[in-house]
Amino acid sequence: MSKSKFPFPGKSLALRELKADPCYVKIPPKERRGIVEQAWSIGELAACDEYQKTMGSNDFRSIFEDRGVSVETRNVDYVVGKQRYFSDYLSGKNRVTLYEKSIRLWAEENSLEYENACNLILSHEYFHYLECNGLGLTSRIYQVPMLRIGSLSLGRTGIHALSEIGAHAFARTYFDLVNNRSSCKEGPARERR
């Protein structure tokens, strides 16, 4: 992968990711930037921790296998509505599914070799694996009412986009570490939630 190009949204585009979430309008404007920062920080810290645990391994297929998670590939372009999906992590089955045709289109669009594209996508999914296996769901760091009728609020739901922001931060930070473009901060700034 070229050191100058990274195909996932950076921190500057994280607010746009939040705006695309169906629950965005339920988040008070003054709180939006803060929860984006918090989600991004969770991804960064997780990347630093995992980079140290894996001793800088850059092979997410092997990292998953070492944790007993199977990685399978389906030869499909998985599109639902206007959204193309590249992969899914199924925690109950301890499996990641890669959608080959979708990934090949994305790889071509971003001038990546197919295997490098798969590895980037697996790094993103690895963050979701971490969320389900000890880190906690980033989508739940901020919750909004599921339904509001006047002053009555019913139920609570997390913000899915926060999990995606954390996964983007994880992938970007991890690969910056691999390419010596970043270092992990020590001390109080590294404390989790």
N, C-alpha and C. Protein backbone atom coordinates (compact mmCIF):
# COMPACT_ATOMS: atom_id res chain seq x y z
N MET A 1 0.85 -1.18 0.00
CA MET A 1 0.00 0.00 0.00
C MET A 1 0.89 1.23 0.00
N SER A 2 0.52 2.18 -0.79
CA SER A 2 1.25 3.45 -0.83
C SER A 2 1.18 4.12 0.54
N LYS A 3 2.31 4.66 0.97
CA LYS A 3 2.33 5.32 2.27
C LYS A 3 1.54 6.62 2.27
N SER A 4 1.28 7.19 1.11
CA SER A 4 0.62 8.49 1.06
C SER A 4 -0.89 8.39 0.95
N LYS A 5 -1.43 7.20 0.68
CA LYS A 5 -2.87 7.07 0.45
C LYS A 5 -3.48 6.10 1.45
N PHE A 6 -4.54 6.52 2.09
CA PHE A 6 -5.25 5.66 3.02
C PHE A 6 -6.73 5.81 2.73
N PRO A 7 -7.41 4.73 2.33
CA PRO A 7 -8.78 4.86 1.81
C PRO A 7 -9.92 4.97 2.81
N PHE A 8 -9.65 4.91 4.12
CA PHE A 8 -10.72 5.10 5.09
C PHE A 8 -10.80 6.57 5.48
N PRO A 9 -11.97 7.02 5.89
CA PRO A 9 -12.09 8.43 6.30
C PRO A 9 -11.17 8.74 7.48
N GLY A 10 -10.57 9.90 7.44
CA GLY A 10 -9.72 10.36 8.54
C GLY A 10 -10.55 11.06 9.59
N LYS A 11 -9.88 11.54 10.60
CA LYS A 11 -10.55 12.21 11.71
C LYS A 11 -11.35 13.42 11.22
N SER A 12 -10.83 14.12 10.21
CA SER A 12 -11.52 15.32 9.72
C SER A 12 -12.87 14.98 9.08
N LEU A 13 -13.05 13.73 8.64
CA LEU A 13 -14.32 13.33 8.02
C LEU A 13 -15.22 12.56 8.99
N ALA A 14 -14.79 12.39 10.21
CA ALA A 14 -15.56 11.60 11.17
C ALA A 14 -16.91 12.23 11.48
N LEU A 15 -16.97 13.56 11.52
CA LEU A 15 -18.25 14.22 11.78
C LEU A 15 -19.24 13.95 10.65
N ARG A 16 -18.73 13.85 9.43
CA ARG A 16 -19.60 13.52 8.29
C ARG A 16 -20.19 12.11 8.46
N GLU A 17 -19.38 11.20 8.97
CA GLU A 17 -19.85 9.83 9.25
C GLU A 17 -20.98 9.88 10.27
N LEU A 18 -20.82 10.70 11.30
CA LEU A 18 -21.87 10.84 12.31
C LEU A 18 -23.14 11.43 11.70
N LYS A 19 -22.98 12.43 10.83
CA LYS A 19 -24.15 13.06 10.20
C LYS A 19 -24.98 12.08 9.39
N ALA A 20 -24.35 11.02 8.88
CA ALA A 20 -25.07 10.03 8.08
C ALA A 20 -25.86 9.04 8.94
N ASP A 21 -25.65 9.05 10.24
CA ASP A 21 -26.35 8.13 11.13
C ASP A 21 -27.80 8.57 11.29
N PRO A 22 -28.75 7.64 11.24
CA PRO A 22 -30.17 8.01 11.39
C PRO A 22 -30.50 8.69 12.71
N CYS A 23 -29.69 8.48 13.74
CA CYS A 23 -29.94 9.09 15.05
C CYS A 23 -29.29 10.45 15.21
N TYR A 24 -28.60 10.92 14.19
CA TYR A 24 -27.85 12.18 14.28
C TYR A 24 -28.71 13.33 14.79
N VAL A 25 -29.92 13.45 14.28
CA VAL A 25 -30.79 14.58 14.65
C VAL A 25 -31.19 14.56 16.13
N LYS A 26 -31.04 13.41 16.77
CA LYS A 26 -31.39 13.30 18.19
C LYS A 26 -30.24 13.73 19.11
N ILE A 27 -29.07 13.98 18.53
CA ILE A 27 -27.89 14.36 19.32
C ILE A 27 -27.84 15.88 19.40
N PRO A 28 -27.82 16.46 20.60
CA PRO A 28 -27.72 17.92 20.70
C PRO A 28 -26.45 18.42 19.99
N PRO A 29 -26.56 19.48 19.19
CA PRO A 29 -25.42 19.99 18.41
C PRO A 29 -24.16 20.21 19.24
N LYS A 30 -24.30 20.69 20.47
CA LYS A 30 -23.11 20.99 21.28
C LYS A 30 -22.37 19.72 21.72
N GLU A 31 -23.00 18.55 21.60
CA GLU A 31 -22.37 17.30 22.04
C GLU A 31 -21.77 16.49 20.89
N ARG A 32 -22.04 16.85 19.66
CA ARG A 32 -21.63 16.04 18.51
C ARG A 32 -20.12 15.92 18.37
N ARG A 33 -19.43 17.03 18.38
CA ARG A 33 -17.97 16.99 18.19
C ARG A 33 -17.30 16.19 19.30
N GLY A 34 -17.77 16.34 20.52
CA GLY A 34 -17.18 15.63 21.65
C GLY A 34 -17.31 14.12 21.56
N ILE A 35 -18.47 13.63 21.11
CA ILE A 35 -18.62 12.17 21.02
C ILE A 35 -17.83 11.61 19.84
N VAL A 36 -17.66 12.41 18.79
CA VAL A 36 -16.80 11.99 17.67
C VAL A 36 -15.36 11.86 18.17
N GLU A 37 -14.90 12.85 18.93
CA GLU A 37 -13.54 12.82 19.49
C GLU A 37 -13.37 11.59 20.38
N GLN A 38 -14.37 11.31 21.20
CA GLN A 38 -14.29 10.18 22.11
C GLN A 38 -14.22 8.86 21.34
N ALA A 39 -15.06 8.70 20.32
CA ALA A 39 -15.05 7.47 19.52
C ALA A 39 -13.71 7.31 18.80
N TRP A 40 -13.19 8.42 18.24
CA TRP A 40 -11.91 8.37 17.54
C TRP A 40 -10.80 7.95 18.51
N SER A 41 -10.82 8.52 19.70
CA SER A 41 -9.82 8.21 20.71
C SER A 41 -9.85 6.74 21.11
N ILE A 42 -11.03 6.18 21.23
CA ILE A 42 -11.17 4.75 21.57
C ILE A 42 -10.48 3.90 20.50
N GLY A 43 -10.70 4.24 19.23
CA GLY A 43 -10.05 3.50 18.15
C GLY A 43 -8.54 3.65 18.17
N GLU A 44 -8.07 4.87 18.40
CA GLU A 44 -6.62 5.12 18.47
C GLU A 44 -5.97 4.31 19.60
N LEU A 45 -6.57 4.38 20.78
CA LEU A 45 -6.01 3.68 21.94
C LEU A 45 -6.02 2.17 21.73
N ALA A 46 -7.09 1.65 21.14
CA ALA A 46 -7.16 0.21 20.87
C ALA A 46 -6.08 -0.20 19.87
N ALA A 47 -5.82 0.64 18.87
CA ALA A 47 -4.77 0.34 17.89
C ALA A 47 -3.41 0.29 18.57
N CYS A 48 -3.14 1.23 19.44
CA CYS A 48 -1.85 1.23 20.16
C CYS A 48 -1.70 -0.03 21.01
N ASP A 49 -2.76 -0.38 21.72
CA ASP A 49 -2.72 -1.58 22.56
C ASP A 49 -2.49 -2.83 21.72
N GLU A 50 -3.24 -2.97 20.64
CA GLU A 50 -3.12 -4.16 19.80
C GLU A 50 -1.80 -4.21 19.06
N TYR A 51 -1.30 -3.07 18.65
CA TYR A 51 0.00 -3.02 17.97
C TYR A 51 1.08 -3.58 18.90
N GLN A 52 1.00 -3.21 20.16
CA GLN A 52 1.97 -3.73 21.13
C GLN A 52 1.75 -5.22 21.39
N LYS A 53 0.49 -5.65 21.52
CA LYS A 53 0.19 -7.06 21.79
C LYS A 53 0.61 -7.96 20.63
N THR A 54 0.45 -7.48 19.41
CA THR A 54 0.80 -8.30 18.23
C THR A 54 2.24 -8.08 17.80
N MET A 55 2.97 -7.28 18.55
CA MET A 55 4.36 -6.94 18.23
C MET A 55 4.48 -6.37 16.81
N GLY A 56 3.48 -5.57 16.44
CA GLY A 56 3.52 -4.87 15.16
C GLY A 56 3.15 -5.71 13.96
N SER A 57 2.52 -6.85 14.18
CA SER A 57 2.10 -7.68 13.05
C SER A 57 1.17 -6.89 12.14
N ASN A 58 1.33 -7.07 10.86
CA ASN A 58 0.50 -6.36 9.88
C ASN A 58 -0.34 -7.34 9.07
N ASP A 59 -0.58 -8.53 9.60
CA ASP A 59 -1.32 -9.56 8.89
C ASP A 59 -2.59 -9.87 9.69
N PHE A 60 -3.66 -9.17 9.37
CA PHE A 60 -4.88 -9.31 10.16
C PHE A 60 -5.58 -10.64 9.94
N ARG A 61 -5.35 -11.28 8.82
CA ARG A 61 -5.90 -12.62 8.62
C ARG A 61 -5.31 -13.56 9.68
N SER A 62 -3.99 -13.48 9.87
CA SER A 62 -3.32 -14.31 10.88
C SER A 62 -3.71 -13.90 12.30
N ILE A 63 -3.85 -12.61 12.53
CA ILE A 63 -4.26 -12.13 13.85
C ILE A 63 -5.62 -12.70 14.21
N PHE A 64 -6.56 -12.69 13.26
CA PHE A 64 -7.87 -13.29 13.51
C PHE A 64 -7.74 -14.78 13.77
N GLU A 65 -6.98 -15.48 12.94
CA GLU A 65 -6.82 -16.93 13.11
C GLU A 65 -6.23 -17.26 14.47
N ASP A 66 -5.26 -16.45 14.93
CA ASP A 66 -4.66 -16.67 16.25
C ASP A 66 -5.68 -16.54 17.37
N ARG A 67 -6.76 -15.83 17.13
CA ARG A 67 -7.81 -15.64 18.14
C ARG A 67 -9.00 -16.57 17.91
N GLY A 68 -8.85 -17.50 16.99
CA GLY A 68 -9.91 -18.48 16.75
C GLY A 68 -11.07 -17.96 15.92
N VAL A 69 -10.85 -16.87 15.20
CA VAL A 69 -11.90 -16.30 14.35
C VAL A 69 -11.62 -16.72 12.91
N SER A 70 -12.61 -17.35 12.28
CA SER A 70 -12.41 -17.77 10.89
C SER A 70 -12.66 -16.59 9.95
N VAL A 71 -11.94 -16.58 8.85
CA VAL A 71 -12.11 -15.56 7.81
C VAL A 71 -12.49 -16.30 6.54
N GLU A 72 -13.69 -16.00 6.04
CA GLU A 72 -14.12 -16.65 4.80
C GLU A 72 -14.40 -15.58 3.75
N THR A 73 -14.32 -15.99 2.50
CA THR A 73 -14.53 -15.08 1.38
C THR A 73 -15.70 -15.58 0.55
N ARG A 74 -16.62 -14.66 0.25
CA ARG A 74 -17.73 -14.97 -0.66
C ARG A 74 -17.56 -14.12 -1.91
N ASN A 75 -17.74 -14.72 -3.05
CA ASN A 75 -17.52 -14.05 -4.33
C ASN A 75 -18.78 -13.27 -4.75
N VAL A 76 -19.09 -12.22 -3.98
CA VAL A 76 -20.27 -11.41 -4.27
C VAL A 76 -19.94 -9.92 -4.13
N ASP A 77 -20.73 -9.11 -4.81
CA ASP A 77 -20.73 -7.66 -4.59
C ASP A 77 -21.96 -7.40 -3.74
N TYR A 78 -21.76 -7.20 -2.45
CA TYR A 78 -22.85 -7.12 -1.49
C TYR A 78 -23.31 -5.68 -1.35
N VAL A 79 -24.46 -5.39 -1.95
CA VAL A 79 -25.03 -4.04 -1.92
C VAL A 79 -26.45 -4.13 -1.37
N VAL A 80 -26.74 -3.29 -0.37
CA VAL A 80 -28.08 -3.19 0.18
C VAL A 80 -28.49 -1.73 0.07
N GLY A 81 -29.56 -1.48 -0.67
CA GLY A 81 -29.96 -0.10 -0.93
C GLY A 81 -28.87 0.59 -1.72
N LYS A 82 -28.35 1.67 -1.20
CA LYS A 82 -27.26 2.40 -1.86
C LYS A 82 -25.92 2.17 -1.16
N GLN A 83 -25.88 1.22 -0.24
CA GLN A 83 -24.68 0.97 0.56
C GLN A 83 -24.00 -0.33 0.12
N ARG A 84 -22.72 -0.25 -0.21
CA ARG A 84 -21.92 -1.43 -0.54
C ARG A 84 -21.20 -1.89 0.72
N TYR A 85 -21.27 -3.18 0.98
CA TYR A 85 -20.60 -3.77 2.14
C TYR A 85 -19.42 -4.60 1.67
N PHE A 86 -18.33 -4.53 2.42
CA PHE A 86 -17.10 -5.23 2.08
C PHE A 86 -16.87 -6.43 2.97
N SER A 87 -17.49 -6.41 4.15
CA SER A 87 -17.24 -7.48 5.11
C SER A 87 -18.27 -7.41 6.23
N ASP A 88 -18.31 -8.48 7.00
CA ASP A 88 -19.14 -8.54 8.21
C ASP A 88 -18.40 -9.34 9.25
N TYR A 89 -18.46 -8.89 10.49
CA TYR A 89 -17.98 -9.70 11.61
C TYR A 89 -19.20 -10.20 12.35
N LEU A 90 -19.34 -11.52 12.46
CA LEU A 90 -20.45 -12.12 13.18
C LEU A 90 -19.92 -12.68 14.49
N SER A 91 -20.19 -11.96 15.58
CA SER A 91 -19.63 -12.34 16.87
C SER A 91 -20.15 -13.69 17.35
N GLY A 92 -21.41 -13.97 17.14
CA GLY A 92 -21.98 -15.24 17.58
C GLY A 92 -21.37 -16.44 16.88
N LYS A 93 -20.89 -16.24 15.68
CA LYS A 93 -20.28 -17.33 14.91
C LYS A 93 -18.76 -17.24 14.90
N ASN A 94 -18.22 -16.16 15.48
CA ASN A 94 -16.77 -15.94 15.52
C ASN A 94 -16.18 -16.05 14.11
N ARG A 95 -16.79 -15.28 13.20
CA ARG A 95 -16.41 -15.36 11.79
C ARG A 95 -16.46 -13.99 11.14
N VAL A 96 -15.50 -13.75 10.25
CA VAL A 96 -15.51 -12.58 9.38
C VAL A 96 -15.76 -13.07 7.97
N THR A 97 -16.68 -12.42 7.28
CA THR A 97 -16.94 -12.73 5.88
C THR A 97 -16.49 -11.54 5.04
N LEU A 98 -15.63 -11.82 4.07
CA LEU A 98 -15.19 -10.81 3.11
C LEU A 98 -15.99 -10.98 1.83
N TYR A 99 -16.44 -9.88 1.24
CA TYR A 99 -17.21 -9.92 -0.01
C TYR A 99 -16.28 -9.52 -1.14
N GLU A 100 -15.79 -10.54 -1.84
CA GLU A 100 -14.69 -10.37 -2.80
C GLU A 100 -14.97 -9.34 -3.89
N LYS A 101 -16.11 -9.44 -4.55
CA LYS A 101 -16.37 -8.50 -5.65
C LYS A 101 -16.46 -7.06 -5.15
N SER A 102 -17.07 -6.86 -4.00
CA SER A 102 -17.13 -5.52 -3.41
C SER A 102 -15.73 -5.01 -3.12
N ILE A 103 -14.90 -5.86 -2.53
CA ILE A 103 -13.54 -5.46 -2.18
C ILE A 103 -12.72 -5.16 -3.43
N ARG A 104 -12.89 -5.98 -4.46
CA ARG A 104 -12.13 -5.73 -5.70
C ARG A 104 -12.49 -4.37 -6.31
N LEU A 105 -13.76 -4.01 -6.28
CA LEU A 105 -14.17 -2.69 -6.79
C LEU A 105 -13.54 -1.58 -5.96
N TRP A 106 -13.59 -1.72 -4.65
CA TRP A 106 -13.02 -0.73 -3.74
C TRP A 106 -11.51 -0.63 -3.92
N ALA A 107 -10.85 -1.78 -4.05
CA ALA A 107 -9.39 -1.80 -4.23
C ALA A 107 -9.01 -1.08 -5.52
N GLU A 108 -9.74 -1.35 -6.58
CA GLU A 108 -9.44 -0.69 -7.86
C GLU A 108 -9.65 0.81 -7.75
N GLU A 109 -10.74 1.22 -7.14
CA GLU A 109 -11.06 2.64 -6.97
C GLU A 109 -9.98 3.37 -6.15
N ASN A 110 -9.34 2.64 -5.24
CA ASN A 110 -8.33 3.24 -4.36
C ASN A 110 -6.90 2.86 -4.71
N SER A 111 -6.72 2.28 -5.90
CA SER A 111 -5.39 1.88 -6.39
C SER A 111 -4.64 0.99 -5.39
N LEU A 112 -5.36 0.00 -4.87
CA LEU A 112 -4.77 -0.95 -3.92
C LEU A 112 -4.73 -2.34 -4.54
N GLU A 113 -3.75 -3.12 -4.16
CA GLU A 113 -3.75 -4.53 -4.52
C GLU A 113 -4.84 -5.20 -3.69
N TYR A 114 -5.45 -6.24 -4.26
CA TYR A 114 -6.57 -6.91 -3.60
C TYR A 114 -6.22 -7.36 -2.18
N GLU A 115 -5.08 -8.04 -1.99
CA GLU A 115 -4.71 -8.54 -0.65
C GLU A 115 -4.49 -7.41 0.34
N ASN A 116 -3.92 -6.30 -0.11
CA ASN A 116 -3.75 -5.14 0.78
C ASN A 116 -5.11 -4.57 1.18
N ALA A 117 -6.04 -4.53 0.22
CA ALA A 117 -7.40 -4.05 0.52
C ALA A 117 -8.07 -4.96 1.54
N CYS A 118 -7.91 -6.28 1.36
CA CYS A 118 -8.49 -7.23 2.32
C CYS A 118 -7.92 -7.00 3.71
N ASN A 119 -6.62 -6.79 3.80
CA ASN A 119 -5.99 -6.59 5.09
C ASN A 119 -6.49 -5.31 5.78
N LEU A 120 -6.67 -4.25 5.01
CA LEU A 120 -7.22 -3.02 5.58
C LEU A 120 -8.63 -3.25 6.11
N ILE A 121 -9.43 -3.93 5.32
CA ILE A 121 -10.81 -4.20 5.73
C ILE A 121 -10.83 -5.11 6.96
N LEU A 122 -9.93 -6.09 6.98
CA LEU A 122 -9.85 -6.96 8.16
C LEU A 122 -9.43 -6.18 9.40
N SER A 123 -8.57 -5.18 9.23
CA SER A 123 -8.18 -4.36 10.40
C SER A 123 -9.39 -3.61 10.94
N HIS A 124 -10.23 -3.12 10.05
CA HIS A 124 -11.47 -2.43 10.44
C HIS A 124 -12.37 -3.40 11.21
N GLU A 125 -12.54 -4.60 10.67
CA GLU A 125 -13.39 -5.60 11.33
C GLU A 125 -12.79 -6.06 12.65
N TYR A 126 -11.47 -6.02 12.74
CA TYR A 126 -10.82 -6.43 13.99
C TYR A 126 -11.23 -5.50 15.14
N PHE A 127 -11.42 -4.23 14.84
CA PHE A 127 -11.90 -3.31 15.88
C PHE A 127 -13.28 -3.77 16.37
N HIS A 128 -14.16 -4.17 15.44
CA HIS A 128 -15.49 -4.64 15.84
C HIS A 128 -15.37 -5.93 16.68
N TYR A 129 -14.41 -6.78 16.32
CA TYR A 129 -14.13 -7.97 17.13
C TYR A 129 -13.74 -7.54 18.55
N LEU A 130 -12.85 -6.57 18.66
CA LEU A 130 -12.42 -6.08 19.97
C LEU A 130 -13.60 -5.52 20.76
N GLU A 131 -14.50 -4.81 20.08
CA GLU A 131 -15.67 -4.25 20.76
C GLU A 131 -16.50 -5.35 21.41
N CYS A 132 -16.62 -6.47 20.72
CA CYS A 132 -17.44 -7.59 21.22
C CYS A 132 -16.70 -8.48 22.20
N ASN A 133 -15.40 -8.27 22.33
CA ASN A 133 -14.58 -9.16 23.15
C ASN A 133 -13.73 -8.39 24.16
N GLY A 134 -14.37 -7.49 24.89
CA GLY A 134 -13.69 -6.83 25.99
C GLY A 134 -13.65 -5.32 25.93
N LEU A 135 -13.53 -4.74 24.76
CA LEU A 135 -13.43 -3.29 24.65
C LEU A 135 -14.76 -2.62 24.99
N GLY A 136 -15.84 -3.24 24.61
CA GLY A 136 -17.17 -2.65 24.78
C GLY A 136 -17.59 -1.96 23.50
N LEU A 137 -18.89 -1.86 23.29
CA LEU A 137 -19.41 -1.29 22.04
C LEU A 137 -19.28 0.22 22.04
N THR A 138 -18.53 0.73 21.11
CA THR A 138 -18.32 2.17 20.99
C THR A 138 -19.64 2.87 20.68
N SER A 139 -20.54 2.18 20.01
CA SER A 139 -21.85 2.77 19.69
C SER A 139 -22.64 3.13 20.94
N ARG A 140 -22.27 2.57 22.07
CA ARG A 140 -23.02 2.82 23.31
C ARG A 140 -22.39 3.89 24.21
N ILE A 141 -21.33 4.54 23.73
CA ILE A 141 -20.75 5.60 24.58
C ILE A 141 -21.69 6.80 24.67
N TYR A 142 -22.62 6.88 23.74
CA TYR A 142 -23.61 7.94 23.76
C TYR A 142 -24.93 7.32 23.32
N GLN A 143 -25.99 7.55 24.07
CA GLN A 143 -27.28 6.97 23.72
C GLN A 143 -28.34 8.06 23.63
N VAL A 144 -29.31 7.79 22.78
CA VAL A 144 -30.43 8.71 22.57
C VAL A 144 -31.72 7.92 22.74
N PRO A 145 -32.84 8.61 23.01
CA PRO A 145 -34.11 7.91 23.12
C PRO A 145 -34.49 7.26 21.79
N MET A 146 -35.04 6.05 21.86
CA MET A 146 -35.53 5.39 20.65
C MET A 146 -36.76 6.11 20.12
N LEU A 147 -37.59 6.53 21.06
CA LEU A 147 -38.83 7.21 20.68
C LEU A 147 -39.11 8.29 21.71
N ARG A 148 -39.52 9.44 21.24
CA ARG A 148 -39.87 10.53 22.14
C ARG A 148 -41.27 11.03 21.76
N ILE A 149 -42.16 11.05 22.75
CA ILE A 149 -43.51 11.57 22.56
C ILE A 149 -43.68 12.68 23.59
N GLY A 150 -43.61 13.91 23.13
CA GLY A 150 -43.64 15.04 24.04
C GLY A 150 -42.43 14.99 24.95
N SER A 151 -42.68 14.97 26.26
CA SER A 151 -41.56 14.90 27.21
C SER A 151 -41.26 13.45 27.62
N LEU A 152 -42.02 12.50 27.09
CA LEU A 152 -41.83 11.09 27.43
C LEU A 152 -40.84 10.45 26.46
N SER A 153 -39.81 9.82 27.01
CA SER A 153 -38.82 9.11 26.20
C SER A 153 -38.96 7.62 26.44
N LEU A 154 -38.96 6.86 25.35
CA LEU A 154 -39.08 5.41 25.45
C LEU A 154 -37.83 4.74 24.89
N GLY A 155 -37.21 3.89 25.69
CA GLY A 155 -36.05 3.13 25.25
C GLY A 155 -34.83 4.00 24.99
N ARG A 156 -33.70 3.36 24.80
CA ARG A 156 -32.45 4.05 24.49
C ARG A 156 -31.75 3.24 23.40
N THR A 157 -31.04 3.93 22.54
CA THR A 157 -30.25 3.27 21.50
C THR A 157 -28.92 3.98 21.36
N GLY A 158 -27.92 3.20 21.02
CA GLY A 158 -26.61 3.77 20.76
C GLY A 158 -26.54 4.35 19.36
N ILE A 159 -25.40 4.92 19.04
CA ILE A 159 -25.18 5.57 17.75
C ILE A 159 -24.21 4.70 16.95
N HIS A 160 -24.72 3.97 15.97
CA HIS A 160 -23.89 3.03 15.19
C HIS A 160 -22.68 3.71 14.57
N ALA A 161 -22.82 4.92 14.10
CA ALA A 161 -21.71 5.63 13.44
C ALA A 161 -20.50 5.76 14.36
N LEU A 162 -20.71 5.82 15.67
CA LEU A 162 -19.58 5.94 16.59
C LEU A 162 -18.69 4.71 16.53
N SER A 163 -19.30 3.55 16.35
CA SER A 163 -18.53 2.32 16.20
C SER A 163 -17.71 2.35 14.91
N GLU A 164 -18.31 2.84 13.83
CA GLU A 164 -17.59 2.95 12.56
C GLU A 164 -16.45 3.96 12.65
N ILE A 165 -16.68 5.05 13.35
CA ILE A 165 -15.63 6.06 13.55
C ILE A 165 -14.47 5.44 14.33
N GLY A 166 -14.78 4.69 15.37
CA GLY A 166 -13.74 4.00 16.13
C GLY A 166 -12.97 3.01 15.28
N ALA A 167 -13.67 2.29 14.41
CA ALA A 167 -13.01 1.31 13.53
C ALA A 167 -12.11 2.01 12.52
N HIS A 168 -12.56 3.14 11.98
CA HIS A 168 -11.70 3.90 11.05
C HIS A 168 -10.46 4.40 11.77
N ALA A 169 -10.64 4.90 12.99
CA ALA A 169 -9.49 5.39 13.77
C ALA A 169 -8.52 4.25 14.07
N PHE A 170 -9.06 3.09 14.41
CA PHE A 170 -8.22 1.93 14.69
C PHE A 170 -7.39 1.58 13.46
N ALA A 171 -8.05 1.42 12.31
CA ALA A 171 -7.34 1.03 11.09
C ALA A 171 -6.28 2.06 10.71
N ARG A 172 -6.67 3.31 10.74
CA ARG A 172 -5.72 4.38 10.35
C ARG A 172 -4.53 4.42 11.32
N THR A 173 -4.79 4.40 12.60
CA THR A 173 -3.71 4.48 13.59
C THR A 173 -2.80 3.26 13.51
N TYR A 174 -3.40 2.08 13.37
CA TYR A 174 -2.59 0.86 13.30
C TYR A 174 -1.64 0.91 12.10
N PHE A 175 -2.17 1.30 10.96
CA PHE A 175 -1.31 1.32 9.78
C PHE A 175 -0.33 2.49 9.80
N ASP A 176 -0.67 3.56 10.47
CA ASP A 176 0.32 4.62 10.68
C ASP A 176 1.46 4.11 11.57
N LEU A 177 1.13 3.31 12.57
CA LEU A 177 2.16 2.73 13.43
C LEU A 177 3.06 1.78 12.63
N VAL A 178 2.44 0.93 11.82
CA VAL A 178 3.21 -0.01 10.99
C VAL A 178 4.16 0.73 10.06
N ASN A 179 3.71 1.85 9.52
CA ASN A 179 4.51 2.62 8.57
C ASN A 179 5.33 3.72 9.23
N ASN A 180 5.48 3.64 10.56
CA ASN A 180 6.28 4.60 11.33
C ASN A 180 5.86 6.05 11.13
N ARG A 181 4.55 6.28 10.95
CA ARG A 181 4.05 7.64 10.81
C ARG A 181 3.36 8.12 12.07
N SER A 182 3.39 7.29 13.10
CA SER A 182 2.71 7.65 14.33
C SER A 182 3.39 6.90 15.47
N SER A 183 3.17 7.38 16.68
CA SER A 183 3.62 6.66 17.86
C SER A 183 2.52 6.73 18.90
N CYS A 184 2.54 5.80 19.80
CA CYS A 184 1.51 5.76 20.85
C CYS A 184 1.91 6.68 21.98
N LYS A 185 0.96 7.45 22.45
CA LYS A 185 1.19 8.35 23.59
C LYS A 185 1.17 7.53 24.87
N GLU A 186 1.94 7.93 25.81
CA GLU A 186 1.97 7.26 27.11
C GLU A 186 1.31 8.16 28.15
N GLY A 187 0.93 7.58 29.26
CA GLY A 187 0.43 8.37 30.37
C GLY A 187 -1.07 8.56 30.36
N PRO A 188 -1.56 9.62 31.04
CA PRO A 188 -2.99 9.84 31.25
C PRO A 188 -3.79 9.92 29.95
N ALA A 189 -3.18 10.40 28.88
CA ALA A 189 -3.91 10.52 27.62
C ALA A 189 -4.31 9.16 27.07
N ARG A 190 -3.67 8.07 27.55
CA ARG A 190 -3.96 6.74 27.04
C ARG A 190 -5.03 6.03 27.85
N GLU A 191 -5.57 6.67 28.85
CA GLU A 191 -6.59 6.02 29.67
C GLU A 191 -7.86 5.81 28.85
N ARG A 192 -8.49 4.65 29.08
CA ARG A 192 -9.75 4.34 28.39
C ARG A 192 -10.90 5.07 29.09
N ARG A 193 -12.00 5.15 28.38
CA ARG A 193 -13.25 5.74 28.81
C ARG A 193 -13.31 6.03 30.26
